[in-house]
């Protein structure tokens, strides 16, 4: 068992946390811009493209997690281990399925997305009724993700301030040296 998270795991964790925040904020701020404006287009493009990058990085992180030594965890009770595993599965499930659902949804809305001159293929035929329903599913999944991220952050703070263990510090790059 390893005592620390690998620097790549730490880097990917925080990169994806920032990207998830930007994806969420882009949709929260979209209403500030009128339809057809460059600001609204920027918010939508940011949302779409980072969503696509997130699904790719989720697979990279899972592959890296699978190939790495398990990290020694503080002594946890069975309920804490169960909740941690469930949140892990749900978070990764959402990081993979939510962008895919969004990709299908933009196809149903007959919206095209391009990045760096590459056109994202349409994977659904236009259907405005189905698009509206899938949009609601996408939003519900995103709100579930907000809750899971909040639970994840709360657990990290619980470990740091209540249990006073090194769980949070091990995921912060600057503390890695002190824990060796």
N, C-alpha and C. Protein backbone atom coordinates (compact mmCIF):
# COMPACT_ATOMS: atom_id res chain seq x y z
N UNK A 1 0.83 -1.19 0.00
CA UNK A 1 0.00 0.00 0.00
C UNK A 1 0.87 1.26 0.00
N UNK A 2 0.44 2.24 -0.74
CA UNK A 2 1.16 3.52 -0.79
C UNK A 2 0.67 4.43 0.34
N UNK A 3 1.55 5.31 0.78
CA UNK A 3 1.18 6.27 1.84
C UNK A 3 0.69 7.58 1.26
N UNK A 4 0.99 7.81 -0.02
CA UNK A 4 0.65 9.08 -0.66
C UNK A 4 -0.03 8.82 -2.00
N UNK A 5 -0.78 9.80 -2.44
CA UNK A 5 -1.31 9.75 -3.79
C UNK A 5 -0.18 10.11 -4.75
N UNK A 6 -0.19 9.51 -5.89
CA UNK A 6 0.81 9.79 -6.91
C UNK A 6 0.62 11.24 -7.38
N UNK A 7 1.70 11.95 -7.69
CA UNK A 7 1.55 13.34 -8.16
C UNK A 7 0.63 13.48 -9.38
N UNK A 8 0.64 12.50 -10.26
CA UNK A 8 -0.27 12.56 -11.42
C UNK A 8 -1.73 12.48 -10.96
N UNK A 9 -2.00 11.62 -9.98
CA UNK A 9 -3.36 11.50 -9.45
C UNK A 9 -3.80 12.82 -8.82
N UNK A 10 -2.90 13.45 -8.08
CA UNK A 10 -3.21 14.74 -7.45
C UNK A 10 -3.47 15.79 -8.53
N UNK A 11 -2.60 15.85 -9.52
CA UNK A 11 -2.73 16.82 -10.59
C UNK A 11 -4.06 16.63 -11.33
N UNK A 12 -4.39 15.39 -11.68
CA UNK A 12 -5.65 15.12 -12.39
C UNK A 12 -6.85 15.46 -11.52
N UNK A 13 -6.76 15.15 -10.23
CA UNK A 13 -7.87 15.45 -9.31
C UNK A 13 -8.20 16.95 -9.33
N UNK A 14 -7.17 17.77 -9.14
CA UNK A 14 -7.42 19.21 -9.06
C UNK A 14 -7.73 19.83 -10.41
N UNK A 15 -7.12 19.32 -11.48
CA UNK A 15 -7.45 19.79 -12.83
C UNK A 15 -8.92 19.52 -13.12
N UNK A 16 -9.37 18.32 -12.81
CA UNK A 16 -10.77 17.99 -13.08
C UNK A 16 -11.71 18.77 -12.16
N UNK A 17 -11.30 19.02 -10.93
CA UNK A 17 -12.14 19.83 -10.04
C UNK A 17 -12.34 21.23 -10.61
N UNK A 18 -11.26 21.82 -11.12
CA UNK A 18 -11.35 23.16 -11.73
C UNK A 18 -12.23 23.10 -12.98
N UNK A 19 -12.01 22.08 -13.81
CA UNK A 19 -12.80 21.96 -15.04
C UNK A 19 -14.29 21.76 -14.72
N UNK A 20 -14.59 20.94 -13.72
CA UNK A 20 -16.00 20.74 -13.33
C UNK A 20 -16.62 22.05 -12.85
N UNK A 21 -15.85 22.82 -12.09
CA UNK A 21 -16.36 24.11 -11.63
C UNK A 21 -16.64 25.04 -12.81
N UNK A 22 -15.74 25.07 -13.80
CA UNK A 22 -15.94 25.92 -14.98
C UNK A 22 -17.15 25.46 -15.78
N UNK A 23 -17.31 24.14 -15.94
CA UNK A 23 -18.48 23.61 -16.66
C UNK A 23 -19.77 24.05 -15.97
N UNK A 24 -19.80 23.92 -14.65
CA UNK A 24 -20.99 24.33 -13.90
C UNK A 24 -21.23 25.83 -13.98
N UNK A 25 -20.18 26.61 -13.80
CA UNK A 25 -20.32 28.07 -13.84
C UNK A 25 -20.74 28.56 -15.22
N UNK A 26 -20.28 27.88 -16.27
CA UNK A 26 -20.67 28.31 -17.62
C UNK A 26 -22.18 28.22 -17.79
N UNK A 27 -22.81 27.23 -17.20
CA UNK A 27 -24.26 27.12 -17.31
C UNK A 27 -24.97 28.05 -16.34
N UNK A 28 -24.35 28.33 -15.21
CA UNK A 28 -24.97 29.27 -14.26
C UNK A 28 -24.95 30.69 -14.81
N UNK A 29 -23.92 31.05 -15.57
CA UNK A 29 -23.77 32.41 -16.09
C UNK A 29 -24.35 32.62 -17.48
N UNK A 30 -24.82 31.55 -18.10
CA UNK A 30 -25.30 31.67 -19.49
C UNK A 30 -26.48 32.64 -19.60
N UNK A 31 -27.29 32.71 -18.55
CA UNK A 31 -28.47 33.59 -18.61
C UNK A 31 -28.09 35.08 -18.61
N UNK A 32 -26.84 35.39 -18.34
CA UNK A 32 -26.39 36.78 -18.39
C UNK A 32 -26.28 37.30 -19.82
N UNK A 33 -26.28 36.38 -20.79
CA UNK A 33 -26.06 36.74 -22.19
C UNK A 33 -27.30 36.43 -23.02
N UNK A 34 -27.68 37.34 -23.91
CA UNK A 34 -28.83 37.08 -24.78
C UNK A 34 -28.52 35.98 -25.80
N UNK A 35 -29.56 35.29 -26.24
CA UNK A 35 -29.40 34.25 -27.26
C UNK A 35 -28.74 34.85 -28.49
N UNK A 36 -27.80 34.08 -29.04
CA UNK A 36 -27.10 34.51 -30.25
C UNK A 36 -25.90 35.39 -29.99
N UNK A 37 -25.68 35.81 -28.74
CA UNK A 37 -24.54 36.69 -28.44
C UNK A 37 -23.25 35.88 -28.36
N UNK A 38 -22.14 36.57 -28.51
CA UNK A 38 -20.84 35.88 -28.44
C UNK A 38 -20.57 35.37 -27.03
N UNK A 39 -21.05 36.08 -26.01
CA UNK A 39 -20.88 35.62 -24.63
C UNK A 39 -21.59 34.30 -24.37
N UNK A 40 -22.82 34.21 -24.89
CA UNK A 40 -23.59 32.97 -24.73
C UNK A 40 -22.93 31.83 -25.50
N UNK A 41 -22.44 32.12 -26.70
CA UNK A 41 -21.74 31.11 -27.50
C UNK A 41 -20.50 30.63 -26.76
N UNK A 42 -19.77 31.55 -26.14
CA UNK A 42 -18.59 31.18 -25.36
C UNK A 42 -18.96 30.27 -24.19
N UNK A 43 -20.03 30.60 -23.48
CA UNK A 43 -20.46 29.77 -22.35
C UNK A 43 -20.83 28.37 -22.82
N UNK A 44 -21.60 28.29 -23.90
CA UNK A 44 -22.00 26.98 -24.42
C UNK A 44 -20.81 26.18 -24.93
N UNK A 45 -19.93 26.82 -25.67
CA UNK A 45 -18.75 26.12 -26.19
C UNK A 45 -17.87 25.62 -25.06
N UNK A 46 -17.68 26.45 -24.05
CA UNK A 46 -16.89 26.04 -22.89
C UNK A 46 -17.52 24.83 -22.22
N UNK A 47 -18.82 24.88 -22.04
CA UNK A 47 -19.55 23.78 -21.41
C UNK A 47 -19.40 22.49 -22.21
N UNK A 48 -19.63 22.57 -23.50
CA UNK A 48 -19.56 21.38 -24.36
C UNK A 48 -18.15 20.80 -24.40
N UNK A 49 -17.17 21.66 -24.66
CA UNK A 49 -15.81 21.17 -24.86
C UNK A 49 -15.19 20.64 -23.57
N UNK A 50 -15.39 21.34 -22.46
CA UNK A 50 -14.85 20.82 -21.21
C UNK A 50 -15.58 19.56 -20.77
N UNK A 51 -16.87 19.47 -21.08
CA UNK A 51 -17.60 18.24 -20.80
C UNK A 51 -16.98 17.05 -21.51
N UNK A 52 -16.60 17.27 -22.76
CA UNK A 52 -15.95 16.21 -23.54
C UNK A 52 -14.58 15.86 -22.95
N UNK A 53 -13.82 16.86 -22.55
CA UNK A 53 -12.51 16.62 -21.95
C UNK A 53 -12.67 15.88 -20.62
N UNK A 54 -13.68 16.23 -19.86
CA UNK A 54 -13.91 15.58 -18.56
C UNK A 54 -14.18 14.09 -18.73
N UNK A 55 -15.00 13.71 -19.71
CA UNK A 55 -15.27 12.28 -19.89
C UNK A 55 -13.99 11.55 -20.28
N UNK A 56 -13.17 12.16 -21.09
CA UNK A 56 -11.90 11.53 -21.48
C UNK A 56 -10.98 11.41 -20.27
N UNK A 57 -10.85 12.49 -19.50
CA UNK A 57 -9.99 12.45 -18.31
C UNK A 57 -10.52 11.51 -17.23
N UNK A 58 -11.83 11.33 -17.17
CA UNK A 58 -12.40 10.37 -16.20
C UNK A 58 -11.89 8.97 -16.52
N UNK A 59 -11.86 8.62 -17.79
CA UNK A 59 -11.32 7.32 -18.18
C UNK A 59 -9.82 7.24 -17.89
N UNK A 60 -9.10 8.32 -18.13
CA UNK A 60 -7.66 8.34 -17.84
C UNK A 60 -7.44 8.15 -16.34
N UNK A 61 -8.21 8.86 -15.54
CA UNK A 61 -8.07 8.74 -14.08
C UNK A 61 -8.42 7.33 -13.60
N UNK A 62 -9.47 6.74 -14.15
CA UNK A 62 -9.83 5.37 -13.76
C UNK A 62 -8.73 4.39 -14.15
N UNK A 63 -8.17 4.56 -15.34
CA UNK A 63 -7.07 3.70 -15.76
C UNK A 63 -5.88 3.87 -14.81
N UNK A 64 -5.56 5.13 -14.49
CA UNK A 64 -4.44 5.39 -13.59
C UNK A 64 -4.71 4.82 -12.20
N UNK A 65 -5.92 4.97 -11.72
CA UNK A 65 -6.31 4.42 -10.41
C UNK A 65 -6.16 2.91 -10.41
N UNK A 66 -6.60 2.27 -11.49
CA UNK A 66 -6.54 0.82 -11.60
C UNK A 66 -5.09 0.34 -11.60
N UNK A 67 -4.17 1.10 -12.21
CA UNK A 67 -2.76 0.72 -12.36
C UNK A 67 -1.90 1.10 -11.14
N UNK A 68 -2.42 1.94 -10.25
CA UNK A 68 -1.65 2.42 -9.10
C UNK A 68 -1.83 1.53 -7.88
N UNK A 69 -0.87 1.66 -6.97
CA UNK A 69 -1.00 0.97 -5.68
C UNK A 69 -2.12 1.65 -4.90
N UNK A 70 -2.90 0.87 -4.15
CA UNK A 70 -3.93 1.50 -3.31
C UNK A 70 -3.26 2.40 -2.27
N UNK A 71 -3.93 3.48 -1.94
CA UNK A 71 -3.42 4.41 -0.93
C UNK A 71 -3.98 3.99 0.42
N UNK A 72 -3.08 3.93 1.38
CA UNK A 72 -3.45 3.56 2.74
C UNK A 72 -4.44 4.59 3.27
N UNK A 73 -5.57 4.13 3.75
CA UNK A 73 -6.58 5.04 4.30
C UNK A 73 -6.56 4.94 5.81
N UNK A 74 -6.94 6.02 6.49
CA UNK A 74 -7.03 5.94 7.94
C UNK A 74 -8.07 4.88 8.31
N UNK A 75 -7.97 4.40 9.51
CA UNK A 75 -8.91 3.38 9.96
C UNK A 75 -10.33 3.94 9.89
N UNK A 76 -11.13 3.33 9.02
CA UNK A 76 -12.51 3.77 8.84
C UNK A 76 -13.44 2.62 9.20
N UNK A 77 -14.60 2.98 9.67
CA UNK A 77 -15.60 1.96 9.93
C UNK A 77 -16.22 1.48 8.63
N UNK A 78 -16.96 0.39 8.68
CA UNK A 78 -17.55 -0.15 7.46
C UNK A 78 -18.52 0.82 6.77
N UNK A 79 -19.25 1.61 7.53
CA UNK A 79 -20.19 2.56 6.93
C UNK A 79 -19.45 3.64 6.16
N UNK A 80 -18.35 4.16 6.73
CA UNK A 80 -17.56 5.18 6.04
C UNK A 80 -16.97 4.61 4.75
N UNK A 81 -16.47 3.39 4.79
CA UNK A 81 -15.91 2.76 3.60
C UNK A 81 -16.99 2.56 2.54
N UNK A 82 -18.17 2.15 2.96
CA UNK A 82 -19.28 1.95 2.02
C UNK A 82 -19.68 3.26 1.36
N UNK A 83 -19.82 4.31 2.16
CA UNK A 83 -20.22 5.61 1.62
C UNK A 83 -19.13 6.15 0.68
N UNK A 84 -17.86 6.01 1.08
CA UNK A 84 -16.76 6.49 0.23
C UNK A 84 -16.77 5.76 -1.11
N UNK A 85 -16.96 4.46 -1.09
CA UNK A 85 -16.98 3.67 -2.33
C UNK A 85 -18.19 4.07 -3.19
N UNK A 86 -19.35 4.25 -2.56
CA UNK A 86 -20.55 4.62 -3.30
C UNK A 86 -20.38 5.99 -3.96
N UNK A 87 -19.83 6.95 -3.23
CA UNK A 87 -19.62 8.29 -3.79
C UNK A 87 -18.61 8.22 -4.93
N UNK A 88 -17.55 7.44 -4.78
CA UNK A 88 -16.56 7.25 -5.84
C UNK A 88 -17.23 6.72 -7.11
N UNK A 89 -18.01 5.66 -6.97
CA UNK A 89 -18.69 5.05 -8.12
C UNK A 89 -19.66 6.04 -8.76
N UNK A 90 -20.44 6.72 -7.94
CA UNK A 90 -21.42 7.67 -8.47
C UNK A 90 -20.75 8.87 -9.15
N UNK A 91 -19.68 9.40 -8.54
CA UNK A 91 -18.98 10.53 -9.15
C UNK A 91 -18.39 10.16 -10.50
N UNK A 92 -17.70 9.03 -10.56
CA UNK A 92 -17.13 8.62 -11.84
C UNK A 92 -18.21 8.25 -12.84
N UNK A 93 -19.28 7.62 -12.35
CA UNK A 93 -20.41 7.33 -13.23
C UNK A 93 -20.97 8.60 -13.85
N UNK A 94 -21.11 9.63 -13.04
CA UNK A 94 -21.62 10.91 -13.56
C UNK A 94 -20.61 11.60 -14.47
N UNK A 95 -19.31 11.55 -14.11
CA UNK A 95 -18.31 12.21 -14.96
C UNK A 95 -18.25 11.56 -16.35
N UNK A 96 -18.69 10.32 -16.44
CA UNK A 96 -18.70 9.63 -17.73
C UNK A 96 -20.05 9.78 -18.42
N UNK A 97 -21.14 9.51 -17.70
CA UNK A 97 -22.46 9.51 -18.36
C UNK A 97 -23.01 10.90 -18.61
N UNK A 98 -22.75 11.84 -17.73
CA UNK A 98 -23.31 13.19 -17.89
C UNK A 98 -22.86 13.85 -19.19
N UNK A 99 -21.57 13.84 -19.53
CA UNK A 99 -21.19 14.41 -20.83
C UNK A 99 -21.77 13.64 -22.02
N UNK A 100 -21.90 12.33 -21.90
CA UNK A 100 -22.48 11.55 -23.00
C UNK A 100 -23.95 11.89 -23.17
N UNK A 101 -24.68 12.01 -22.07
CA UNK A 101 -26.09 12.42 -22.14
C UNK A 101 -26.18 13.82 -22.75
N UNK A 102 -25.26 14.71 -22.36
CA UNK A 102 -25.24 16.05 -22.95
C UNK A 102 -24.95 16.01 -24.44
N UNK A 103 -24.07 15.13 -24.86
CA UNK A 103 -23.73 14.98 -26.27
C UNK A 103 -24.93 14.51 -27.06
N UNK A 104 -25.66 13.54 -26.53
CA UNK A 104 -26.89 13.09 -27.20
C UNK A 104 -27.89 14.24 -27.24
N UNK A 105 -27.99 14.96 -26.12
CA UNK A 105 -28.95 16.06 -26.03
C UNK A 105 -28.68 17.15 -27.07
N UNK A 106 -27.41 17.53 -27.27
CA UNK A 106 -27.14 18.57 -28.26
C UNK A 106 -27.46 18.08 -29.67
N UNK A 107 -27.34 16.78 -29.90
CA UNK A 107 -27.74 16.22 -31.19
C UNK A 107 -29.25 16.29 -31.37
N UNK A 108 -29.99 16.02 -30.28
CA UNK A 108 -31.45 16.11 -30.35
C UNK A 108 -31.90 17.54 -30.60
N UNK A 109 -31.15 18.52 -30.10
CA UNK A 109 -31.46 19.93 -30.33
C UNK A 109 -30.96 20.38 -31.70
N UNK A 110 -30.26 19.51 -32.41
CA UNK A 110 -29.68 19.82 -33.72
C UNK A 110 -28.66 20.95 -33.63
N UNK A 111 -27.82 20.85 -32.59
CA UNK A 111 -26.74 21.81 -32.39
C UNK A 111 -25.44 21.13 -32.79
N UNK A 112 -24.59 21.84 -33.50
CA UNK A 112 -23.29 21.27 -33.86
C UNK A 112 -22.21 21.89 -32.98
N UNK A 113 -21.23 21.08 -32.66
CA UNK A 113 -20.13 21.52 -31.81
C UNK A 113 -18.83 21.21 -32.54
N UNK A 114 -17.95 22.20 -32.59
CA UNK A 114 -16.64 21.96 -33.19
C UNK A 114 -15.56 22.47 -32.26
N UNK A 115 -14.41 21.81 -32.34
CA UNK A 115 -13.26 22.20 -31.54
C UNK A 115 -12.01 22.08 -32.39
N UNK A 116 -11.27 23.17 -32.46
CA UNK A 116 -10.00 23.18 -33.19
C UNK A 116 -10.17 22.68 -34.62
N UNK A 117 -11.29 23.05 -35.23
CA UNK A 117 -11.56 22.66 -36.60
C UNK A 117 -12.13 21.27 -36.77
N UNK A 118 -12.34 20.57 -35.68
CA UNK A 118 -12.90 19.22 -35.73
C UNK A 118 -14.36 19.26 -35.29
N UNK A 119 -15.23 18.72 -36.12
CA UNK A 119 -16.67 18.71 -35.84
C UNK A 119 -17.01 17.48 -34.99
N UNK A 120 -17.65 17.70 -33.86
CA UNK A 120 -18.11 16.60 -33.02
C UNK A 120 -19.25 15.90 -33.74
N UNK A 121 -19.17 14.59 -33.93
CA UNK A 121 -20.23 13.91 -34.67
C UNK A 121 -21.57 13.98 -33.95
N UNK A 122 -22.64 14.09 -34.71
CA UNK A 122 -24.00 14.04 -34.15
C UNK A 122 -24.29 12.57 -33.84
N UNK A 123 -24.74 12.28 -32.64
CA UNK A 123 -25.05 10.89 -32.31
C UNK A 123 -26.55 10.69 -32.06
N UNK A 124 -27.33 11.69 -32.42
CA UNK A 124 -28.79 11.58 -32.31
C UNK A 124 -29.44 12.43 -33.39
N UNK A 125 -30.57 11.99 -33.86
CA UNK A 125 -31.33 12.77 -34.84
C UNK A 125 -32.15 13.82 -34.11
N UNK A 126 -32.32 14.99 -34.72
CA UNK A 126 -33.08 16.06 -34.07
C UNK A 126 -34.49 15.61 -33.67
N UNK A 127 -34.85 15.95 -32.44
CA UNK A 127 -36.18 15.65 -31.90
C UNK A 127 -36.37 16.58 -30.71
N UNK A 128 -37.10 17.68 -30.91
CA UNK A 128 -37.22 18.71 -29.88
C UNK A 128 -37.95 18.22 -28.62
N UNK A 129 -38.91 17.31 -28.78
CA UNK A 129 -39.64 16.79 -27.61
C UNK A 129 -38.69 15.95 -26.74
N UNK A 130 -37.98 15.04 -27.40
CA UNK A 130 -37.03 14.20 -26.68
C UNK A 130 -35.89 15.05 -26.11
N UNK A 131 -35.48 16.08 -26.84
CA UNK A 131 -34.41 16.96 -26.38
C UNK A 131 -34.80 17.64 -25.07
N UNK A 132 -36.03 18.12 -25.00
CA UNK A 132 -36.48 18.79 -23.78
C UNK A 132 -36.47 17.82 -22.60
N UNK A 133 -36.93 16.60 -22.81
CA UNK A 133 -36.94 15.60 -21.74
C UNK A 133 -35.52 15.23 -21.32
N UNK A 134 -34.64 15.02 -22.30
CA UNK A 134 -33.27 14.65 -21.97
C UNK A 134 -32.54 15.81 -21.30
N UNK A 135 -32.87 17.03 -21.67
CA UNK A 135 -32.27 18.19 -21.00
C UNK A 135 -32.60 18.19 -19.51
N UNK A 136 -33.83 17.82 -19.19
CA UNK A 136 -34.23 17.75 -17.78
C UNK A 136 -33.47 16.65 -17.04
N UNK A 137 -33.25 15.53 -17.71
CA UNK A 137 -32.47 14.44 -17.12
C UNK A 137 -31.03 14.92 -16.89
N UNK A 138 -30.47 15.62 -17.88
CA UNK A 138 -29.11 16.15 -17.79
C UNK A 138 -28.99 17.10 -16.60
N UNK A 139 -29.95 17.96 -16.44
CA UNK A 139 -29.95 18.92 -15.33
C UNK A 139 -30.06 18.20 -13.99
N UNK A 140 -30.94 17.20 -13.91
CA UNK A 140 -31.09 16.44 -12.67
C UNK A 140 -29.78 15.71 -12.32
N UNK A 141 -29.15 15.13 -13.34
CA UNK A 141 -27.86 14.47 -13.11
C UNK A 141 -26.82 15.47 -12.63
N UNK A 142 -26.80 16.66 -13.22
CA UNK A 142 -25.84 17.69 -12.81
C UNK A 142 -26.08 18.09 -11.35
N UNK A 143 -27.33 18.27 -10.97
CA UNK A 143 -27.64 18.63 -9.58
C UNK A 143 -27.25 17.51 -8.62
N UNK A 144 -27.41 16.27 -9.05
CA UNK A 144 -26.94 15.13 -8.25
C UNK A 144 -25.43 15.22 -8.09
N UNK A 145 -24.75 15.57 -9.17
CA UNK A 145 -23.30 15.75 -9.13
C UNK A 145 -22.89 16.85 -8.16
N UNK A 146 -23.64 17.96 -8.13
CA UNK A 146 -23.35 19.03 -7.17
C UNK A 146 -23.39 18.46 -5.75
N UNK A 147 -24.42 17.68 -5.47
CA UNK A 147 -24.57 17.09 -4.14
C UNK A 147 -23.43 16.14 -3.80
N UNK A 148 -23.05 15.32 -4.76
CA UNK A 148 -21.95 14.38 -4.52
C UNK A 148 -20.62 15.10 -4.31
N UNK A 149 -20.38 16.13 -5.09
CA UNK A 149 -19.15 16.91 -4.91
C UNK A 149 -19.16 17.58 -3.54
N UNK A 150 -20.32 18.08 -3.15
CA UNK A 150 -20.45 18.67 -1.81
C UNK A 150 -20.20 17.65 -0.71
N UNK A 151 -20.72 16.44 -0.89
CA UNK A 151 -20.49 15.36 0.08
C UNK A 151 -19.01 14.99 0.13
N UNK A 152 -18.38 14.91 -1.04
CA UNK A 152 -16.95 14.60 -1.14
C UNK A 152 -16.12 15.66 -0.41
N UNK A 153 -16.42 16.92 -0.65
CA UNK A 153 -15.71 18.01 0.01
C UNK A 153 -15.95 18.03 1.51
N UNK A 154 -17.19 17.77 1.91
CA UNK A 154 -17.52 17.72 3.34
C UNK A 154 -16.76 16.60 4.02
N UNK A 155 -16.66 15.44 3.36
CA UNK A 155 -15.92 14.31 3.92
C UNK A 155 -14.45 14.67 4.08
N UNK A 156 -13.88 15.36 3.09
CA UNK A 156 -12.47 15.76 3.20
C UNK A 156 -12.27 16.70 4.39
N UNK A 157 -13.18 17.64 4.56
CA UNK A 157 -13.08 18.56 5.70
C UNK A 157 -13.31 17.84 7.03
N UNK A 158 -14.22 16.88 7.05
CA UNK A 158 -14.46 16.07 8.24
C UNK A 158 -13.18 15.33 8.63
N UNK A 159 -12.51 14.73 7.67
CA UNK A 159 -11.26 14.03 7.95
C UNK A 159 -10.21 15.00 8.50
N UNK A 160 -10.16 16.19 7.91
CA UNK A 160 -9.13 17.15 8.29
C UNK A 160 -9.39 17.77 9.67
N UNK A 161 -10.62 18.25 9.89
CA UNK A 161 -10.89 19.01 11.11
C UNK A 161 -11.42 18.17 12.27
N UNK A 162 -12.17 17.12 11.99
CA UNK A 162 -12.76 16.32 13.07
C UNK A 162 -11.86 15.12 13.39
N UNK A 163 -11.55 14.31 12.38
CA UNK A 163 -10.71 13.14 12.61
C UNK A 163 -9.23 13.50 12.74
N UNK A 164 -8.88 14.67 12.21
CA UNK A 164 -7.50 15.17 12.23
C UNK A 164 -6.50 14.16 11.65
N UNK A 165 -6.91 13.54 10.54
CA UNK A 165 -6.00 12.63 9.85
C UNK A 165 -5.44 13.32 8.61
N UNK A 166 -4.65 12.62 7.84
CA UNK A 166 -3.94 13.23 6.70
C UNK A 166 -4.64 13.03 5.36
N UNK A 167 -5.90 12.61 5.37
CA UNK A 167 -6.60 12.33 4.13
C UNK A 167 -6.57 13.53 3.18
N UNK A 168 -6.97 14.68 3.64
CA UNK A 168 -7.00 15.88 2.80
C UNK A 168 -5.58 16.31 2.43
N UNK A 169 -4.67 16.31 3.38
CA UNK A 169 -3.30 16.75 3.12
C UNK A 169 -2.63 15.90 2.04
N UNK A 170 -2.97 14.61 1.99
CA UNK A 170 -2.35 13.75 0.99
C UNK A 170 -2.78 14.11 -0.43
N UNK A 171 -3.89 14.83 -0.57
CA UNK A 171 -4.36 15.22 -1.90
C UNK A 171 -3.92 16.64 -2.25
N UNK A 172 -3.25 17.31 -1.33
CA UNK A 172 -2.74 18.66 -1.58
C UNK A 172 -1.25 18.56 -1.90
N UNK A 173 -0.82 19.00 -3.09
CA UNK A 173 0.57 18.82 -3.51
C UNK A 173 1.61 19.39 -2.54
N UNK A 174 1.36 20.51 -1.95
CA UNK A 174 2.39 21.15 -1.12
C UNK A 174 2.63 20.43 0.20
N UNK A 175 1.68 19.58 0.64
CA UNK A 175 1.84 18.85 1.89
C UNK A 175 2.51 17.50 1.68
N UNK A 176 2.67 17.08 0.45
CA UNK A 176 3.21 15.75 0.16
C UNK A 176 4.58 15.55 0.82
N UNK A 177 5.46 16.55 0.76
CA UNK A 177 6.81 16.42 1.31
C UNK A 177 6.77 16.24 2.83
N UNK A 178 5.90 16.95 3.51
CA UNK A 178 5.83 16.90 4.96
C UNK A 178 5.33 15.55 5.49
N UNK A 179 4.60 14.82 4.65
CA UNK A 179 4.02 13.56 5.11
C UNK A 179 4.96 12.39 4.89
N UNK A 180 6.06 12.57 4.20
CA UNK A 180 6.99 11.47 3.91
C UNK A 180 7.65 10.95 5.15
